[in-house]
């Protein structure tokens, strides 16, 4: 909606936008997460991803130039790429071997519920209060997992 609202995007423009997002996810997860999770740890990388996401959402809420819009999308995709695998790993690492399946199932189910309900709520906020407010609210909501994550200890593992 935002790309159409601010930049009059056509379906082919939107396809290019999603191509950037997909390639960024592949690059960030395949290169950066893989290389930096060892030295930094899952918790720190997840927090970095959340704060990159907050910056991206704030930028998207104010950006009206197309180049900065793409920078914002790149940052948003990078944040998601850092968050998703590291939170999954933390869930697994903080579970007993006998409870991993249950905990990962709850984690993944919660994510699915959020991906189902989140767009409905975000769409309502977007159309009731405008795009800028919706993305700023998204940035504020990203503070919630950051606060919880600060209290989660980084598992002490032998890093190879």
N, C-alpha and C. Protein backbone atom coordinates (compact mmCIF):
# COMPACT_ATOMS: atom_id res chain seq x y z
N UNK A 1 0.82 -1.19 0.00
CA UNK A 1 0.00 0.00 0.00
C UNK A 1 0.87 1.26 0.00
N UNK A 2 1.91 1.22 0.80
CA UNK A 2 2.78 2.39 0.92
C UNK A 2 3.46 2.72 -0.40
N UNK A 3 3.96 1.70 -1.10
CA UNK A 3 4.66 1.93 -2.36
C UNK A 3 3.71 2.52 -3.41
N UNK A 4 2.48 2.10 -3.39
CA UNK A 4 1.48 2.65 -4.33
C UNK A 4 1.11 4.07 -3.89
N UNK A 5 0.90 4.24 -2.60
CA UNK A 5 0.48 5.54 -2.06
C UNK A 5 1.53 6.63 -2.32
N UNK A 6 2.78 6.34 -2.02
CA UNK A 6 3.81 7.38 -2.10
C UNK A 6 4.50 7.47 -3.45
N UNK A 7 4.62 6.33 -4.14
CA UNK A 7 5.45 6.32 -5.35
C UNK A 7 4.71 5.85 -6.60
N UNK A 8 3.40 5.64 -6.50
CA UNK A 8 2.58 5.19 -7.64
C UNK A 8 3.15 3.92 -8.28
N UNK A 9 3.56 2.97 -7.46
CA UNK A 9 4.15 1.73 -7.97
C UNK A 9 3.14 0.92 -8.77
N UNK A 10 3.66 0.34 -9.82
CA UNK A 10 2.89 -0.59 -10.64
C UNK A 10 3.21 -2.01 -10.16
N UNK A 11 2.48 -3.00 -10.65
CA UNK A 11 2.82 -4.38 -10.27
C UNK A 11 4.27 -4.76 -10.57
N UNK A 12 4.82 -4.29 -11.68
CA UNK A 12 6.22 -4.63 -11.97
C UNK A 12 7.18 -3.93 -11.00
N UNK A 13 6.84 -2.71 -10.58
CA UNK A 13 7.65 -2.01 -9.57
C UNK A 13 7.62 -2.77 -8.24
N UNK A 14 6.45 -3.26 -7.89
CA UNK A 14 6.30 -4.02 -6.65
C UNK A 14 7.08 -5.33 -6.73
N UNK A 15 7.10 -5.94 -7.91
CA UNK A 15 7.88 -7.17 -8.09
C UNK A 15 9.37 -6.90 -7.87
N UNK A 16 9.86 -5.77 -8.39
CA UNK A 16 11.27 -5.40 -8.17
C UNK A 16 11.55 -5.16 -6.69
N UNK A 17 10.60 -4.56 -6.02
CA UNK A 17 10.73 -4.30 -4.60
C UNK A 17 10.87 -5.63 -3.84
N UNK A 18 10.01 -6.59 -4.15
CA UNK A 18 10.07 -7.89 -3.48
C UNK A 18 11.31 -8.69 -3.89
N UNK A 19 11.81 -8.46 -5.07
CA UNK A 19 13.06 -9.10 -5.48
C UNK A 19 14.21 -8.59 -4.61
N UNK A 20 14.26 -7.28 -4.37
CA UNK A 20 15.28 -6.72 -3.48
C UNK A 20 15.16 -7.33 -2.08
N UNK A 21 13.95 -7.42 -1.57
CA UNK A 21 13.73 -7.98 -0.24
C UNK A 21 14.21 -9.43 -0.19
N UNK A 22 13.84 -10.22 -1.18
CA UNK A 22 14.24 -11.63 -1.22
C UNK A 22 15.74 -11.81 -1.32
N UNK A 23 16.37 -11.04 -2.20
CA UNK A 23 17.83 -11.15 -2.35
C UNK A 23 18.56 -10.70 -1.08
N UNK A 24 18.02 -9.69 -0.44
CA UNK A 24 18.62 -9.22 0.82
C UNK A 24 18.52 -10.30 1.89
N UNK A 25 17.37 -10.95 1.99
CA UNK A 25 17.20 -12.03 2.97
C UNK A 25 18.20 -13.15 2.72
N UNK A 26 18.35 -13.52 1.46
CA UNK A 26 19.29 -14.59 1.11
C UNK A 26 20.72 -14.19 1.47
N UNK A 27 21.12 -13.00 1.08
CA UNK A 27 22.48 -12.52 1.34
C UNK A 27 22.74 -12.39 2.84
N UNK A 28 21.82 -11.75 3.54
CA UNK A 28 22.03 -11.50 4.97
C UNK A 28 22.07 -12.80 5.77
N UNK A 29 21.14 -13.72 5.48
CA UNK A 29 21.15 -14.99 6.22
C UNK A 29 22.30 -15.88 5.79
N UNK A 30 22.54 -15.96 4.51
CA UNK A 30 23.56 -16.86 3.99
C UNK A 30 24.98 -16.40 4.23
N UNK A 31 25.17 -15.10 4.32
CA UNK A 31 26.53 -14.59 4.50
C UNK A 31 26.74 -14.04 5.91
N UNK A 32 25.97 -13.03 6.29
CA UNK A 32 26.23 -12.33 7.56
C UNK A 32 25.87 -13.16 8.78
N UNK A 33 24.67 -13.70 8.83
CA UNK A 33 24.27 -14.48 10.00
C UNK A 33 25.20 -15.67 10.17
N UNK A 34 25.46 -16.34 9.10
CA UNK A 34 26.31 -17.52 9.14
C UNK A 34 27.70 -17.20 9.69
N UNK A 35 28.24 -16.07 9.31
CA UNK A 35 29.60 -15.71 9.72
C UNK A 35 29.68 -15.03 11.09
N UNK A 36 28.63 -14.30 11.48
CA UNK A 36 28.72 -13.50 12.70
C UNK A 36 28.03 -14.10 13.91
N UNK A 37 27.24 -15.14 13.72
CA UNK A 37 26.56 -15.73 14.88
C UNK A 37 27.57 -16.36 15.83
N UNK A 38 28.64 -16.92 15.30
CA UNK A 38 29.67 -17.51 16.16
C UNK A 38 30.34 -16.48 17.04
N UNK A 39 30.95 -15.46 16.45
CA UNK A 39 31.65 -14.47 17.28
C UNK A 39 30.73 -13.60 18.15
N UNK A 40 29.53 -13.27 17.65
CA UNK A 40 28.65 -12.37 18.37
C UNK A 40 27.67 -13.09 19.29
N UNK A 41 27.20 -14.25 18.87
CA UNK A 41 26.16 -14.97 19.61
C UNK A 41 24.78 -14.64 19.08
N UNK A 42 23.87 -15.56 19.31
CA UNK A 42 22.50 -15.43 18.80
C UNK A 42 21.78 -14.23 19.39
N UNK A 43 21.93 -14.03 20.69
CA UNK A 43 21.22 -12.94 21.36
C UNK A 43 21.63 -11.58 20.79
N UNK A 44 22.92 -11.35 20.70
CA UNK A 44 23.41 -10.06 20.20
C UNK A 44 22.99 -9.83 18.75
N UNK A 45 23.06 -10.88 17.94
CA UNK A 45 22.67 -10.75 16.54
C UNK A 45 21.17 -10.49 16.40
N UNK A 46 20.36 -11.13 17.26
CA UNK A 46 18.92 -10.87 17.25
C UNK A 46 18.63 -9.43 17.65
N UNK A 47 19.32 -8.95 18.69
CA UNK A 47 19.13 -7.55 19.11
C UNK A 47 19.55 -6.57 18.02
N UNK A 48 20.65 -6.87 17.36
CA UNK A 48 21.08 -6.02 16.24
C UNK A 48 19.99 -6.00 15.17
N UNK A 49 19.43 -7.17 14.86
CA UNK A 49 18.36 -7.25 13.87
C UNK A 49 17.14 -6.44 14.27
N UNK A 50 16.77 -6.50 15.55
CA UNK A 50 15.61 -5.74 16.03
C UNK A 50 15.88 -4.24 15.89
N UNK A 51 17.07 -3.80 16.28
CA UNK A 51 17.35 -2.36 16.20
C UNK A 51 17.50 -1.89 14.75
N UNK A 52 18.00 -2.74 13.88
CA UNK A 52 18.00 -2.40 12.45
C UNK A 52 16.55 -2.27 11.96
N UNK A 53 15.68 -3.18 12.41
CA UNK A 53 14.27 -3.11 12.04
C UNK A 53 13.60 -1.84 12.53
N UNK A 54 13.92 -1.43 13.75
CA UNK A 54 13.35 -0.19 14.30
C UNK A 54 13.78 1.00 13.44
N UNK A 55 15.07 1.06 13.12
CA UNK A 55 15.57 2.14 12.26
C UNK A 55 14.85 2.13 10.92
N UNK A 56 14.69 0.94 10.34
CA UNK A 56 14.04 0.82 9.03
C UNK A 56 12.59 1.29 9.09
N UNK A 57 11.86 0.89 10.14
CA UNK A 57 10.45 1.29 10.24
C UNK A 57 10.33 2.80 10.42
N UNK A 58 11.21 3.40 11.23
CA UNK A 58 11.17 4.85 11.40
C UNK A 58 11.49 5.53 10.07
N UNK A 59 12.49 5.03 9.36
CA UNK A 59 12.82 5.61 8.05
C UNK A 59 11.65 5.50 7.09
N UNK A 60 11.03 4.32 7.02
CA UNK A 60 9.90 4.13 6.11
C UNK A 60 8.76 5.08 6.45
N UNK A 61 8.57 5.35 7.73
CA UNK A 61 7.45 6.23 8.10
C UNK A 61 7.63 7.65 7.59
N UNK A 62 8.89 8.08 7.41
CA UNK A 62 9.13 9.46 6.98
C UNK A 62 9.60 9.60 5.54
N UNK A 63 10.09 8.55 4.95
CA UNK A 63 10.74 8.64 3.64
C UNK A 63 9.73 8.97 2.53
N UNK A 64 10.14 9.89 1.67
CA UNK A 64 9.31 10.21 0.51
C UNK A 64 10.13 10.18 -0.78
N UNK A 65 11.39 9.85 -0.67
CA UNK A 65 12.24 9.69 -1.85
C UNK A 65 12.46 8.21 -2.12
N UNK A 66 12.35 7.83 -3.36
CA UNK A 66 12.45 6.41 -3.72
C UNK A 66 13.79 5.77 -3.36
N UNK A 67 14.93 6.44 -3.55
CA UNK A 67 16.19 5.79 -3.14
C UNK A 67 16.23 5.48 -1.64
N UNK A 68 15.75 6.40 -0.80
CA UNK A 68 15.73 6.16 0.64
C UNK A 68 14.72 5.08 1.00
N UNK A 69 13.66 4.98 0.21
CA UNK A 69 12.69 3.90 0.41
C UNK A 69 13.37 2.55 0.23
N UNK A 70 14.20 2.44 -0.81
CA UNK A 70 14.92 1.18 -1.05
C UNK A 70 15.96 0.91 0.04
N UNK A 71 16.60 1.95 0.54
CA UNK A 71 17.54 1.77 1.65
C UNK A 71 16.77 1.24 2.87
N UNK A 72 15.59 1.81 3.12
CA UNK A 72 14.76 1.37 4.24
C UNK A 72 14.33 -0.09 4.07
N UNK A 73 13.94 -0.47 2.87
CA UNK A 73 13.55 -1.86 2.61
C UNK A 73 14.73 -2.81 2.80
N UNK A 74 15.91 -2.38 2.35
CA UNK A 74 17.11 -3.18 2.55
C UNK A 74 17.37 -3.39 4.04
N UNK A 75 17.28 -2.33 4.82
CA UNK A 75 17.50 -2.45 6.26
C UNK A 75 16.43 -3.33 6.91
N UNK A 76 15.18 -3.14 6.53
CA UNK A 76 14.11 -3.96 7.09
C UNK A 76 14.35 -5.44 6.80
N UNK A 77 14.72 -5.76 5.58
CA UNK A 77 14.98 -7.15 5.19
C UNK A 77 16.18 -7.71 5.95
N UNK A 78 17.20 -6.89 6.13
CA UNK A 78 18.38 -7.32 6.86
C UNK A 78 18.02 -7.61 8.32
N UNK A 79 17.22 -6.75 8.91
CA UNK A 79 16.78 -6.97 10.29
C UNK A 79 16.02 -8.27 10.44
N UNK A 80 15.10 -8.53 9.54
CA UNK A 80 14.32 -9.78 9.57
C UNK A 80 15.25 -10.98 9.40
N UNK A 81 16.22 -10.85 8.50
CA UNK A 81 17.16 -11.96 8.25
C UNK A 81 17.99 -12.26 9.49
N UNK A 82 18.31 -11.25 10.28
CA UNK A 82 19.07 -11.47 11.51
C UNK A 82 18.18 -12.05 12.61
N UNK A 83 16.96 -11.59 12.69
CA UNK A 83 16.06 -11.96 13.80
C UNK A 83 15.58 -13.40 13.68
N UNK A 84 15.08 -13.78 12.55
CA UNK A 84 14.39 -15.07 12.41
C UNK A 84 15.25 -16.28 12.80
N UNK A 85 16.41 -16.48 12.20
CA UNK A 85 17.18 -17.68 12.57
C UNK A 85 17.77 -17.62 13.98
N UNK A 86 18.09 -16.42 14.45
CA UNK A 86 18.72 -16.33 15.77
C UNK A 86 17.71 -16.57 16.89
N UNK A 87 16.47 -16.10 16.73
CA UNK A 87 15.46 -16.37 17.75
C UNK A 87 15.09 -17.86 17.76
N UNK A 88 15.04 -18.46 16.58
CA UNK A 88 14.79 -19.90 16.51
C UNK A 88 15.90 -20.66 17.23
N UNK A 89 17.14 -20.26 16.97
CA UNK A 89 18.28 -20.91 17.63
C UNK A 89 18.23 -20.71 19.14
N UNK A 90 17.91 -19.50 19.60
CA UNK A 90 17.82 -19.25 21.04
C UNK A 90 16.73 -20.11 21.69
N UNK A 91 15.61 -20.25 21.00
CA UNK A 91 14.53 -21.09 21.51
C UNK A 91 15.02 -22.52 21.68
N UNK A 92 15.72 -23.01 20.70
CA UNK A 92 16.25 -24.38 20.75
C UNK A 92 17.32 -24.51 21.83
N UNK A 93 18.23 -23.57 21.89
CA UNK A 93 19.34 -23.65 22.84
C UNK A 93 18.90 -23.51 24.30
N UNK A 94 17.77 -22.85 24.53
CA UNK A 94 17.26 -22.69 25.89
C UNK A 94 16.24 -23.77 26.26
N UNK A 95 16.11 -24.78 25.44
CA UNK A 95 15.18 -25.87 25.70
C UNK A 95 15.96 -27.14 26.02
N UNK A 96 15.42 -27.93 26.95
CA UNK A 96 15.99 -29.25 27.16
C UNK A 96 15.78 -30.05 25.89
N UNK A 97 16.65 -31.00 25.66
CA UNK A 97 16.55 -31.81 24.45
C UNK A 97 15.17 -32.44 24.30
N UNK A 98 14.58 -32.86 25.41
CA UNK A 98 13.26 -33.51 25.36
C UNK A 98 12.13 -32.53 25.11
N UNK A 99 12.39 -31.23 25.33
CA UNK A 99 11.35 -30.21 25.16
C UNK A 99 11.51 -29.36 23.91
N UNK A 100 12.57 -29.59 23.15
CA UNK A 100 12.85 -28.73 21.99
C UNK A 100 11.70 -28.72 20.99
N UNK A 101 11.16 -29.87 20.68
CA UNK A 101 10.08 -29.94 19.70
C UNK A 101 8.87 -29.13 20.14
N UNK A 102 8.51 -29.26 21.41
CA UNK A 102 7.38 -28.51 21.94
C UNK A 102 7.64 -27.01 21.89
N UNK A 103 8.81 -26.60 22.40
CA UNK A 103 9.12 -25.17 22.44
C UNK A 103 9.24 -24.56 21.04
N UNK A 104 9.88 -25.28 20.14
CA UNK A 104 9.98 -24.77 18.76
C UNK A 104 8.61 -24.74 18.09
N UNK A 105 7.76 -25.71 18.41
CA UNK A 105 6.40 -25.71 17.86
C UNK A 105 5.60 -24.51 18.33
N UNK A 106 5.71 -24.21 19.64
CA UNK A 106 5.02 -23.03 20.18
C UNK A 106 5.59 -21.76 19.56
N UNK A 107 6.91 -21.69 19.44
CA UNK A 107 7.57 -20.53 18.84
C UNK A 107 7.10 -20.31 17.41
N UNK A 108 7.13 -21.37 16.60
CA UNK A 108 6.74 -21.25 15.19
C UNK A 108 5.24 -20.97 15.06
N UNK A 109 4.42 -21.59 15.91
CA UNK A 109 2.98 -21.33 15.86
C UNK A 109 2.67 -19.89 16.23
N UNK A 110 3.39 -19.37 17.22
CA UNK A 110 3.20 -17.96 17.60
C UNK A 110 3.56 -17.04 16.44
N UNK A 111 4.65 -17.38 15.75
CA UNK A 111 5.04 -16.59 14.57
C UNK A 111 3.99 -16.64 13.48
N UNK A 112 3.41 -17.81 13.28
CA UNK A 112 2.35 -17.95 12.27
C UNK A 112 1.13 -17.13 12.64
N UNK A 113 0.77 -17.16 13.92
CA UNK A 113 -0.37 -16.35 14.37
C UNK A 113 -0.09 -14.86 14.16
N UNK A 114 1.14 -14.45 14.46
CA UNK A 114 1.50 -13.05 14.27
C UNK A 114 1.45 -12.66 12.79
N UNK A 115 1.91 -13.57 11.92
CA UNK A 115 1.87 -13.28 10.48
C UNK A 115 0.45 -13.29 9.93
N UNK A 116 -0.47 -13.94 10.62
CA UNK A 116 -1.87 -13.94 10.20
C UNK A 116 -2.62 -12.72 10.75
N UNK A 117 -2.41 -12.42 12.02
CA UNK A 117 -3.14 -11.32 12.67
C UNK A 117 -2.47 -9.97 12.48
N UNK A 118 -1.15 -9.95 12.42
CA UNK A 118 -0.40 -8.70 12.29
C UNK A 118 -0.82 -7.85 11.11
N UNK A 119 -0.89 -8.43 9.91
CA UNK A 119 -1.30 -7.61 8.76
C UNK A 119 -2.72 -7.05 8.89
N UNK A 120 -3.61 -7.78 9.54
CA UNK A 120 -4.97 -7.26 9.74
C UNK A 120 -4.94 -6.03 10.64
N UNK A 121 -4.23 -6.14 11.76
CA UNK A 121 -4.13 -5.01 12.68
C UNK A 121 -3.37 -3.85 12.04
N UNK A 122 -2.25 -4.16 11.39
CA UNK A 122 -1.44 -3.12 10.75
C UNK A 122 -2.22 -2.44 9.63
N UNK A 123 -2.97 -3.20 8.86
CA UNK A 123 -3.80 -2.63 7.80
C UNK A 123 -4.87 -1.69 8.35
N UNK A 124 -5.48 -2.10 9.45
CA UNK A 124 -6.49 -1.26 10.09
C UNK A 124 -5.86 0.06 10.55
N UNK A 125 -4.70 -0.03 11.24
CA UNK A 125 -4.00 1.17 11.71
C UNK A 125 -3.59 2.04 10.52
N UNK A 126 -3.08 1.40 9.47
CA UNK A 126 -2.63 2.11 8.27
C UNK A 126 -3.76 2.95 7.68
N UNK A 127 -4.93 2.34 7.52
CA UNK A 127 -6.04 3.04 6.86
C UNK A 127 -6.80 3.97 7.80
N UNK A 128 -6.70 3.73 9.11
CA UNK A 128 -7.37 4.63 10.06
C UNK A 128 -6.50 5.85 10.40
N UNK A 129 -5.19 5.65 10.51
CA UNK A 129 -4.32 6.70 11.02
C UNK A 129 -3.22 7.14 10.06
N UNK A 130 -3.07 6.45 8.94
CA UNK A 130 -2.08 6.83 7.95
C UNK A 130 -0.82 5.98 8.00
N UNK A 131 -0.10 6.02 6.91
CA UNK A 131 1.08 5.17 6.75
C UNK A 131 2.19 5.53 7.73
N UNK A 132 2.43 6.81 7.94
CA UNK A 132 3.52 7.22 8.84
C UNK A 132 3.27 6.71 10.25
N UNK A 133 2.06 6.90 10.74
CA UNK A 133 1.73 6.43 12.09
C UNK A 133 1.85 4.91 12.18
N UNK A 134 1.39 4.21 11.17
CA UNK A 134 1.43 2.74 11.20
C UNK A 134 2.87 2.23 11.30
N UNK A 135 3.78 2.81 10.54
CA UNK A 135 5.17 2.36 10.59
C UNK A 135 5.87 2.80 11.87
N UNK A 136 5.54 3.97 12.38
CA UNK A 136 6.10 4.38 13.68
C UNK A 136 5.61 3.46 14.79
N UNK A 137 4.34 3.08 14.74
CA UNK A 137 3.81 2.14 15.72
C UNK A 137 4.50 0.79 15.60
N UNK A 138 4.79 0.37 14.38
CA UNK A 138 5.54 -0.87 14.17
C UNK A 138 6.91 -0.81 14.81
N UNK A 139 7.57 0.34 14.70
CA UNK A 139 8.89 0.53 15.33
C UNK A 139 8.77 0.43 16.84
N UNK A 140 7.72 1.02 17.41
CA UNK A 140 7.51 0.95 18.86
C UNK A 140 7.25 -0.50 19.28
N UNK A 141 6.44 -1.21 18.51
CA UNK A 141 6.15 -2.61 18.85
C UNK A 141 7.40 -3.48 18.80
N UNK A 142 8.37 -3.12 17.98
CA UNK A 142 9.62 -3.88 17.93
C UNK A 142 10.44 -3.73 19.22
N UNK A 143 10.13 -2.72 20.01
CA UNK A 143 10.82 -2.58 21.29
C UNK A 143 10.43 -3.69 22.27
N UNK A 144 9.23 -4.25 22.12
CA UNK A 144 8.75 -5.29 23.04
C UNK A 144 9.66 -6.51 23.01
N UNK A 145 9.92 -7.11 21.84
CA UNK A 145 10.84 -8.27 21.88
C UNK A 145 12.25 -7.89 22.32
N UNK A 146 12.68 -6.66 22.04
CA UNK A 146 14.01 -6.23 22.48
C UNK A 146 14.09 -6.23 24.01
N UNK A 147 13.06 -5.72 24.67
CA UNK A 147 13.03 -5.68 26.13
C UNK A 147 13.09 -7.10 26.69
N UNK A 148 12.28 -8.00 26.13
CA UNK A 148 12.30 -9.38 26.60
C UNK A 148 13.65 -10.03 26.34
N UNK A 149 14.23 -9.75 25.21
CA UNK A 149 15.49 -10.39 24.82
C UNK A 149 16.65 -9.97 25.72
N UNK A 150 16.60 -8.75 26.25
CA UNK A 150 17.66 -8.31 27.16
C UNK A 150 17.75 -9.21 28.40
N UNK A 151 16.62 -9.80 28.80
CA UNK A 151 16.63 -10.65 30.00
C UNK A 151 16.98 -12.10 29.69
N UNK A 152 17.12 -12.45 28.43
CA UNK A 152 17.46 -13.82 28.04
C UNK A 152 18.98 -13.96 28.01
N UNK A 153 19.51 -14.93 28.75
CA UNK A 153 20.97 -15.10 28.70
C UNK A 153 21.42 -15.73 27.39
N UNK A 154 22.60 -15.33 26.96
CA UNK A 154 23.20 -15.96 25.78
C UNK A 154 23.72 -17.33 26.22
N UNK A 155 23.30 -18.40 25.55
CA UNK A 155 23.81 -19.72 25.93
C UNK A 155 25.33 -19.76 25.84
N UNK A 156 25.96 -20.39 26.81
CA UNK A 156 27.41 -20.51 26.84
C UNK A 156 27.79 -21.79 26.11
N UNK A 157 28.19 -21.64 24.88
CA UNK A 157 28.54 -22.80 24.04
C UNK A 157 29.98 -22.65 23.57
N UNK A 158 30.56 -23.76 23.29
CA UNK A 158 31.86 -23.73 22.63
C UNK A 158 31.64 -23.26 21.21
N UNK A 159 32.25 -22.18 20.84
CA UNK A 159 32.13 -21.64 19.48
C UNK A 159 33.31 -22.13 18.67
N UNK A 160 32.99 -22.71 17.50
CA UNK A 160 34.07 -23.24 16.69
C UNK A 160 34.36 -22.46 15.47
